[in-house]
PDB file of N, CA and C in Angstrom:
ATOM      1  N   MET A   1      -8.409  10.787  20.052  1.00  0.00           N
ATOM      2  CA  MET A   1      -9.280  10.390  21.134  1.00  0.00           C
ATOM      3  C   MET A   1      -9.108   8.890  21.344  1.00  0.00           C
ATOM      4  N   SER A   2      -8.875   8.511  22.568  1.00  0.00           N
ATOM      5  CA  SER A   2      -8.620   7.104  22.865  1.00  0.00           C
ATOM      6  C   SER A   2      -9.925   6.305  22.922  1.00  0.00           C
ATOM      7  N   ARG A   3      -9.778   5.015  22.844  1.00  0.00           N
ATOM      8  CA  ARG A   3     -10.934   4.113  22.887  1.00  0.00           C
ATOM      9  C   ARG A   3     -11.674   4.227  24.220  1.00  0.00           C
ATOM     10  N   SER A   4     -10.928   4.396  25.312  1.00  0.00           N
ATOM     11  CA  SER A   4     -11.565   4.493  26.629  1.00  0.00           C
ATOM     12  C   SER A   4     -12.366   5.789  26.765  1.00  0.00           C
ATOM     13  N   GLU A   5     -11.886   6.875  26.138  1.00  0.00           N
ATOM     14  CA  GLU A   5     -12.635   8.126  26.169  1.00  0.00           C
ATOM     15  C   GLU A   5     -13.941   7.994  25.380  1.00  0.00           C
ATOM     16  N   LYS A   6     -13.871   7.303  24.252  1.00  0.00           N
ATOM     17  CA  LYS A   6     -15.084   7.066  23.460  1.00  0.00           C
ATOM     18  C   LYS A   6     -16.098   6.250  24.260  1.00  0.00           C
ATOM     19  N   GLU A   7     -15.622   5.216  24.932  1.00  0.00           N
ATOM     20  CA  GLU A   7     -16.509   4.374  25.734  1.00  0.00           C
ATOM     21  C   GLU A   7     -17.106   5.158  26.897  1.00  0.00           C
ATOM     22  N   GLN A   8     -16.320   6.069  27.465  1.00  0.00           N
ATOM     23  CA  GLN A   8     -16.815   6.882  28.571  1.00  0.00           C
ATOM     24  C   GLN A   8     -17.977   7.763  28.111  1.00  0.00           C
ATOM     25  N   ILE A   9     -17.860   8.358  26.938  1.00  0.00           N
ATOM     26  CA  ILE A   9     -18.932   9.188  26.392  1.00  0.00           C
ATOM     27  C   ILE A   9     -20.165   8.335  26.102  1.00  0.00           C
ATOM     28  N   LYS A  10     -19.963   7.177  25.489  1.00  0.00           N
ATOM     29  CA  LYS A  10     -21.094   6.298  25.176  1.00  0.00           C
ATOM     30  C   LYS A  10     -21.804   5.822  26.433  1.00  0.00           C
ATOM     31  N   ASN A  11     -21.036   5.417  27.444  1.00  0.00           N
ATOM     32  CA  ASN A  11     -21.641   4.931  28.682  1.00  0.00           C
ATOM     33  C   ASN A  11     -22.389   6.033  29.418  1.00  0.00           C
ATOM     34  N   MET A  12     -21.863   7.262  29.348  1.00  0.00           N
ATOM     35  CA  MET A  12     -22.509   8.378  30.021  1.00  0.00           C
ATOM     36  C   MET A  12     -23.874   8.666  29.398  1.00  0.00           C
ATOM     37  N   LEU A  13     -23.975   8.607  28.077  1.00  0.00           N
ATOM     38  CA  LEU A  13     -25.213   8.974  27.397  1.00  0.00           C
ATOM     39  C   LEU A  13     -26.133   7.791  27.108  1.00  0.00           C
ATOM     40  N   ARG A  14     -25.693   6.585  27.355  1.00  0.00           N
ATOM     41  CA  ARG A  14     -26.506   5.399  27.065  1.00  0.00           C
ATOM     42  C   ARG A  14     -27.781   5.413  27.913  1.00  0.00           C
ATOM     43  N   GLY A  15     -28.916   5.456  27.243  1.00  0.00           N
ATOM     44  CA  GLY A  15     -30.205   5.365  27.921  1.00  0.00           C
ATOM     45  C   GLY A  15     -30.539   6.543  28.809  1.00  0.00           C
ATOM     46  N   TYR A  16     -30.013   7.735  28.518  1.00  0.00           N
ATOM     47  CA  TYR A  16     -30.281   8.871  29.398  1.00  0.00           C
ATOM     48  C   TYR A  16     -31.738   9.308  29.306  1.00  0.00           C
ATOM     49  N   LYS A  17     -32.276   9.760  30.422  1.00  0.00           N
ATOM     50  CA  LYS A  17     -33.644  10.273  30.476  1.00  0.00           C
ATOM     51  C   LYS A  17     -33.645  11.787  30.566  1.00  0.00           C
ATOM     52  N   ARG A  18     -32.652  12.318  31.253  1.00  0.00           N
ATOM     53  CA  ARG A  18     -32.465  13.758  31.375  1.00  0.00           C
ATOM     54  C   ARG A  18     -30.974  14.035  31.390  1.00  0.00           C
ATOM     55  N   ILE A  19     -30.584  15.213  30.921  1.00  0.00           N
ATOM     56  CA  ILE A  19     -29.186  15.607  30.935  1.00  0.00           C
ATOM     57  C   ILE A  19     -28.869  16.218  32.293  1.00  0.00           C
ATOM     58  N   THR A  20     -27.794  15.748  32.918  1.00  0.00           N
ATOM     59  CA  THR A  20     -27.375  16.276  34.204  1.00  0.00           C
ATOM     60  C   THR A  20     -26.219  17.256  34.022  1.00  0.00           C
ATOM     61  N   LYS A  21     -25.929  18.006  35.083  1.00  0.00           N
ATOM     62  CA  LYS A  21     -24.824  18.956  35.010  1.00  0.00           C
ATOM     63  C   LYS A  21     -23.493  18.248  34.832  1.00  0.00           C
ATOM     64  N   SER A  22     -23.346  17.065  35.413  1.00  0.00           N
ATOM     65  CA  SER A  22     -22.092  16.326  35.254  1.00  0.00           C
ATOM     66  C   SER A  22     -21.898  15.882  33.804  1.00  0.00           C
ATOM     67  N   MET A  23     -22.982  15.536  33.120  1.00  0.00           N
ATOM     68  CA  MET A  23     -22.892  15.185  31.698  1.00  0.00           C
ATOM     69  C   MET A  23     -22.448  16.391  30.879  1.00  0.00           C
ATOM     70  N   LEU A  24     -23.036  17.541  31.164  1.00  0.00           N
ATOM     71  CA  LEU A  24     -22.677  18.754  30.431  1.00  0.00           C
ATOM     72  C   LEU A  24     -21.218  19.131  30.672  1.00  0.00           C
ATOM     73  N   LYS A  25     -20.754  19.001  31.918  1.00  0.00           N
ATOM     74  CA  LYS A  25     -19.359  19.331  32.229  1.00  0.00           C
ATOM     75  C   LYS A  25     -18.398  18.413  31.501  1.00  0.00           C
ATOM     76  N   MET A  26     -18.745  17.135  31.400  1.00  0.00           N
ATOM     77  CA  MET A  26     -17.866  16.213  30.707  1.00  0.00           C
ATOM     78  C   MET A  26     -17.814  16.524  29.208  1.00  0.00           C
ATOM     79  N   ILE A  27     -18.948  16.863  28.631  1.00  0.00           N
ATOM     80  CA  ILE A  27     -18.974  17.232  27.216  1.00  0.00           C
ATOM     81  C   ILE A  27     -18.130  18.488  26.991  1.00  0.00           C
ATOM     82  N   GLU A  28     -18.249  19.458  27.892  1.00  0.00           N
ATOM     83  CA  GLU A  28     -17.484  20.699  27.769  1.00  0.00           C
ATOM     84  C   GLU A  28     -15.996  20.481  27.985  1.00  0.00           C
ATOM     85  N   SER A  29     -15.623  19.435  28.713  1.00  0.00           N
ATOM     86  CA  SER A  29     -14.200  19.166  28.959  1.00  0.00           C
ATOM     87  C   SER A  29     -13.458  18.754  27.685  1.00  0.00           C
ATOM     88  N   TYR A  30     -14.181  18.387  26.632  1.00  0.00           N
ATOM     89  CA  TYR A  30     -13.578  18.031  25.350  1.00  0.00           C
ATOM     90  C   TYR A  30     -13.492  19.223  24.399  1.00  0.00           C
ATOM     91  N   GLY A  31     -13.668  20.428  24.916  1.00  0.00           N
ATOM     92  CA  GLY A  31     -13.557  21.622  24.087  1.00  0.00           C
ATOM     93  C   GLY A  31     -14.798  21.916  23.287  1.00  0.00           C
ATOM     94  N   LEU A  32     -15.937  21.530  23.808  1.00  0.00           N
ATOM     95  CA  LEU A  32     -17.202  21.770  23.126  1.00  0.00           C
ATOM     96  C   LEU A  32     -18.027  22.788  23.900  1.00  0.00           C
ATOM     97  N   ILE A  33     -18.846  23.522  23.189  1.00  0.00           N
ATOM     98  CA  ILE A  33     -19.739  24.509  23.794  1.00  0.00           C
ATOM     99  C   ILE A  33     -21.153  23.952  23.749  1.00  0.00           C
ATOM    100  N   VAL A  34     -21.814  23.940  24.900  1.00  0.00           N
ATOM    101  CA  VAL A  34     -23.177  23.437  24.993  1.00  0.00           C
ATOM    102  C   VAL A  34     -24.103  24.620  25.264  1.00  0.00           C
ATOM    103  N   SER A  35     -25.082  24.807  24.401  1.00  0.00           N
ATOM    104  CA  SER A  35     -26.082  25.842  24.632  1.00  0.00           C
ATOM    105  C   SER A  35     -27.454  25.181  24.571  1.00  0.00           C
ATOM    106  N   GLY A  36     -28.309  25.589  25.469  1.00  0.00           N
ATOM    107  CA  GLY A  36     -29.624  24.979  25.519  1.00  0.00           C
ATOM    108  C   GLY A  36     -30.715  26.020  25.561  1.00  0.00           C
ATOM    109  N   CYS A  37     -31.589  25.951  24.607  1.00  0.00           N
ATOM    110  CA  CYS A  37     -32.767  26.808  24.629  1.00  0.00           C
ATOM    111  C   CYS A  37     -33.928  25.976  24.125  1.00  0.00           C
ATOM    112  N   GLY A  38     -35.045  26.141  24.733  1.00  0.00           N
ATOM    113  CA  GLY A  38     -36.200  25.356  24.327  1.00  0.00           C
ATOM    114  C   GLY A  38     -36.093  23.920  24.807  1.00  0.00           C
ATOM    115  N   LYS A  39     -36.346  22.988  23.913  1.00  0.00           N
ATOM    116  CA  LYS A  39     -36.390  21.577  24.279  1.00  0.00           C
ATOM    117  C   LYS A  39     -35.161  20.794  23.850  1.00  0.00           C
ATOM    118  N   HIS A  40     -34.165  21.481  23.292  1.00  0.00           N
ATOM    119  CA  HIS A  40     -32.973  20.801  22.792  1.00  0.00           C
ATOM    120  C   HIS A  40     -31.697  21.500  23.244  1.00  0.00           C
ATOM    121  N   TYR A  41     -30.608  20.737  23.239  1.00  0.00           N
ATOM    122  CA  TYR A  41     -29.267  21.281  23.450  1.00  0.00           C
ATOM    123  C   TYR A  41     -28.574  21.327  22.102  1.00  0.00           C
ATOM    124  N   LYS A  42     -27.682  22.284  21.947  1.00  0.00           N
ATOM    125  CA  LYS A  42     -26.889  22.406  20.729  1.00  0.00           C
ATOM    126  C   LYS A  42     -25.422  22.380  21.140  1.00  0.00           C
ATOM    127  N   ILE A  43     -24.640  21.488  20.543  1.00  0.00           N
ATOM    128  CA  ILE A  43     -23.226  21.338  20.865  1.00  0.00           C
ATOM    129  C   ILE A  43     -22.407  21.709  19.644  1.00  0.00           C
ATOM    130  N   LYS A  44     -21.410  22.571  19.852  1.00  0.00           N
ATOM    131  CA  LYS A  44     -20.490  22.913  18.773  1.00  0.00           C
ATOM    132  C   LYS A  44     -19.090  23.042  19.347  1.00  0.00           C
ATOM    133  N   ARG A  45     -18.112  23.057  18.468  1.00  0.00           N
ATOM    134  CA  ARG A  45     -16.716  23.156  18.888  1.00  0.00           C
ATOM    135  C   ARG A  45     -16.357  24.600  19.217  1.00  0.00           C
ATOM    136  N   GLU A  46     -15.402  24.761  20.134  1.00  0.00           N
ATOM    137  CA  GLU A  46     -14.946  26.103  20.491  1.00  0.00           C
ATOM    138  C   GLU A  46     -14.265  26.799  19.322  1.00  0.00           C
ATOM    139  N   ASP A  47     -13.549  26.034  18.483  1.00  0.00           N
ATOM    140  CA  ASP A  47     -12.843  26.623  17.348  1.00  0.00           C
ATOM    141  C   ASP A  47     -13.733  26.779  16.115  1.00  0.00           C
ATOM    142  N   GLN A  48     -15.021  26.486  16.249  1.00  0.00           N
ATOM    143  CA  GLN A  48     -16.034  26.670  15.207  1.00  0.00           C
ATOM    144  C   GLN A  48     -15.809  25.808  13.966  1.00  0.00           C
ATOM    145  N   LEU A  49     -14.966  24.779  14.029  1.00  0.00           N
ATOM    146  CA  LEU A  49     -14.786  23.854  12.908  1.00  0.00           C
ATOM    147  C   LEU A  49     -15.929  22.845  12.914  1.00  0.00           C
ATOM    148  N   GLY A  50     -16.284  22.388  11.748  1.00  0.00           N
ATOM    149  CA  GLY A  50     -17.340  21.393  11.647  1.00  0.00           C
ATOM    150  C   GLY A  50     -18.702  22.017  11.880  1.00  0.00           C
ATOM    151  N   GLY A  51     -19.670  21.194  12.063  1.00  0.00           N
ATOM    152  CA  GLY A  51     -21.037  21.659  12.259  1.00  0.00           C
ATOM    153  C   GLY A  51     -21.408  21.703  13.716  1.00  0.00           C
ATOM    154  N   PHE A  52     -22.577  21.193  14.014  1.00  0.00           N
ATOM    155  CA  PHE A  52     -23.057  21.136  15.375  1.00  0.00           C
ATOM    156  C   PHE A  52     -23.916  19.897  15.549  1.00  0.00           C
ATOM    157  N   VAL A  53     -24.187  19.557  16.788  1.00  0.00           N
ATOM    158  CA  VAL A  53     -25.018  18.406  17.122  1.00  0.00           C
ATOM    159  C   VAL A  53     -26.162  18.906  17.995  1.00  0.00           C
ATOM    160  N   THR A  54     -27.375  18.513  17.672  1.00  0.00           N
ATOM    161  CA  THR A  54     -28.513  18.845  18.533  1.00  0.00           C
ATOM    162  C   THR A  54     -29.052  17.556  19.127  1.00  0.00           C
ATOM    163  N   PHE A  55     -29.516  17.667  20.366  1.00  0.00           N
ATOM    164  CA  PHE A  55     -30.166  16.513  20.979  1.00  0.00           C
ATOM    165  C   PHE A  55     -31.178  16.987  22.007  1.00  0.00           C
ATOM    166  N   ALA A  56     -32.180  16.149  22.224  1.00  0.00           N
ATOM    167  CA  ALA A  56     -33.306  16.494  23.083  1.00  0.00           C
ATOM    168  C   ALA A  56     -32.900  16.495  24.557  1.00  0.00           C
ATOM    169  N   LYS A  57     -33.486  17.415  25.305  1.00  0.00           N
ATOM    170  CA  LYS A  57     -33.242  17.444  26.744  1.00  0.00           C
ATOM    171  C   LYS A  57     -33.883  16.234  27.414  1.00  0.00           C
ATOM    172  N   THR A  58     -35.020  15.796  26.913  1.00  0.00           N
ATOM    173  CA  THR A  58     -35.694  14.600  27.418  1.00  0.00           C
ATOM    174  C   THR A  58     -36.117  13.744  26.227  1.00  0.00           C
ATOM    175  N   PRO A  59     -35.268  12.804  25.805  1.00  0.00           N
ATOM    176  CA  PRO A  59     -35.562  12.014  24.609  1.00  0.00           C
ATOM    177  C   PRO A  59     -36.655  10.967  24.848  1.00  0.00           C
ATOM    178  N   SER A  60     -37.336  10.588  23.787  1.00  0.00           N
ATOM    179  CA  SER A  60     -38.351   9.543  23.885  1.00  0.00           C
ATOM    180  C   SER A  60     -37.824   8.211  23.358  1.00  0.00           C
ATOM    181  N   ASP A  61     -36.735   8.240  22.608  1.00  0.00           N
ATOM    182  CA  ASP A  61     -36.162   7.048  22.002  1.00  0.00           C
ATOM    183  C   ASP A  61     -35.088   6.467  22.925  1.00  0.00           C
ATOM    184  N   THR A  62     -35.073   5.162  23.100  1.00  0.00           N
ATOM    185  CA  THR A  62     -34.086   4.541  23.984  1.00  0.00           C
ATOM    186  C   THR A  62     -32.680   4.553  23.388  1.00  0.00           C
ATOM    187  N   ARG A  63     -32.566   4.641  22.065  1.00  0.00           N
ATOM    188  CA  ARG A  63     -31.250   4.669  21.422  1.00  0.00           C
ATOM    189  C   ARG A  63     -30.728   6.082  21.204  1.00  0.00           C
ATOM    190  N   ALA A  64     -31.459   7.066  21.635  1.00  0.00           N
ATOM    191  CA  ALA A  64     -31.069   8.455  21.399  1.00  0.00           C
ATOM    192  C   ALA A  64     -29.693   8.765  21.984  1.00  0.00           C
ATOM    193  N   GLY A  65     -29.411   8.255  23.164  1.00  0.00           N
ATOM    194  CA  GLY A  65     -28.119   8.512  23.800  1.00  0.00           C
ATOM    195  C   GLY A  65     -26.956   7.957  23.005  1.00  0.00           C
ATOM    196  N   LEU A  66     -27.084   6.736  22.507  1.00  0.00           N
ATOM    197  CA  LEU A  66     -26.016   6.140  21.707  1.00  0.00           C
ATOM    198  C   LEU A  66     -25.845   6.864  20.374  1.00  0.00           C
ATOM    199  N   ASN A  67     -26.942   7.252  19.764  1.00  0.00           N
ATOM    200  CA  ASN A  67     -26.861   7.982  18.503  1.00  0.00           C
ATOM    201  C   ASN A  67     -26.171   9.326  18.685  1.00  0.00           C
ATOM    202  N   VAL A  68     -26.508  10.037  19.754  1.00  0.00           N
ATOM    203  CA  VAL A  68     -25.894  11.331  20.026  1.00  0.00           C
ATOM    204  C   VAL A  68     -24.425  11.175  20.379  1.00  0.00           C
ATOM    205  N   SER A  69     -24.082  10.121  21.126  1.00  0.00           N
ATOM    206  CA  SER A  69     -22.683   9.920  21.516  1.00  0.00           C
ATOM    207  C   SER A  69     -21.795   9.719  20.282  1.00  0.00           C
ATOM    208  N   VAL A  70     -22.286   9.009  19.287  1.00  0.00           N
ATOM    209  CA  VAL A  70     -21.513   8.809  18.057  1.00  0.00           C
ATOM    210  C   VAL A  70     -21.335  10.146  17.328  1.00  0.00           C
ATOM    211  N   GLU A  71     -22.366  10.964  17.296  1.00  0.00           N
ATOM    212  CA  GLU A  71     -22.264  12.270  16.648  1.00  0.00           C
ATOM    213  C   GLU A  71     -21.285  13.180  17.397  1.00  0.00           C
ATOM    214  N   ILE A  72     -21.297  13.135  18.719  1.00  0.00           N
ATOM    215  CA  ILE A  72     -20.386  13.953  19.519  1.00  0.00           C
ATOM    216  C   ILE A  72     -18.939  13.513  19.284  1.00  0.00           C
ATOM    217  N   ILE A  73     -18.699  12.214  19.223  1.00  0.00           N
ATOM    218  CA  ILE A  73     -17.350  11.698  18.975  1.00  0.00           C
ATOM    219  C   ILE A  73     -16.854  12.144  17.599  1.00  0.00           C
ATOM    220  N   ARG A  74     -17.719  12.092  16.605  1.00  0.00           N
ATOM    221  CA  ARG A  74     -17.334  12.568  15.264  1.00  0.00           C
ATOM    222  C   ARG A  74     -16.988  14.049  15.273  1.00  0.00           C
ATOM    223  N   LEU A  75     -17.753  14.826  16.037  1.00  0.00           N
ATOM    224  CA  LEU A  75     -17.491  16.262  16.115  1.00  0.00           C
ATOM    225  C   LEU A  75     -16.160  16.540  16.805  1.00  0.00           C
ATOM    226  N   ILE A  76     -15.841  15.793  17.838  1.00  0.00           N
ATOM    227  CA  ILE A  76     -14.568  15.962  18.547  1.00  0.00           C
ATOM    228  C   ILE A  76     -13.388  15.605  17.647  1.00  0.00           C
ATOM    229  N   GLU A  77     -13.536  14.543  16.864  1.00  0.00           N
ATOM    230  CA  GLU A  77     -12.425  14.044  16.060  1.00  0.00           C
ATOM    231  C   GLU A  77     -12.186  14.809  14.765  1.00  0.00           C
ATOM    232  N   LEU A  78     -12.957  15.827  14.456  1.00  0.00           N
ATOM    233  CA  LEU A  78     -12.743  16.619  13.238  1.00  0.00           C
ATOM    234  C   LEU A  78     -11.387  17.254  13.217  1.00  0.00           C
TER     235      LEU A  78
END
């Protein structure tokens, strides 16, 4: 994964208030499956390697987007 792709993910999720369809499509373009039930989304890899990442549909923390972006990048790079 290139540095510019990492920055694109971080910039997309930085300070998010709600998840948009364009955000979900971009996450899915990296070979990840996004499922949402209840108040959270769950992201896992298509090849089922590694674990999963959960994040709130409407976070209360301002750093939540950056924290989730780092977890998503780690999941992609497995």
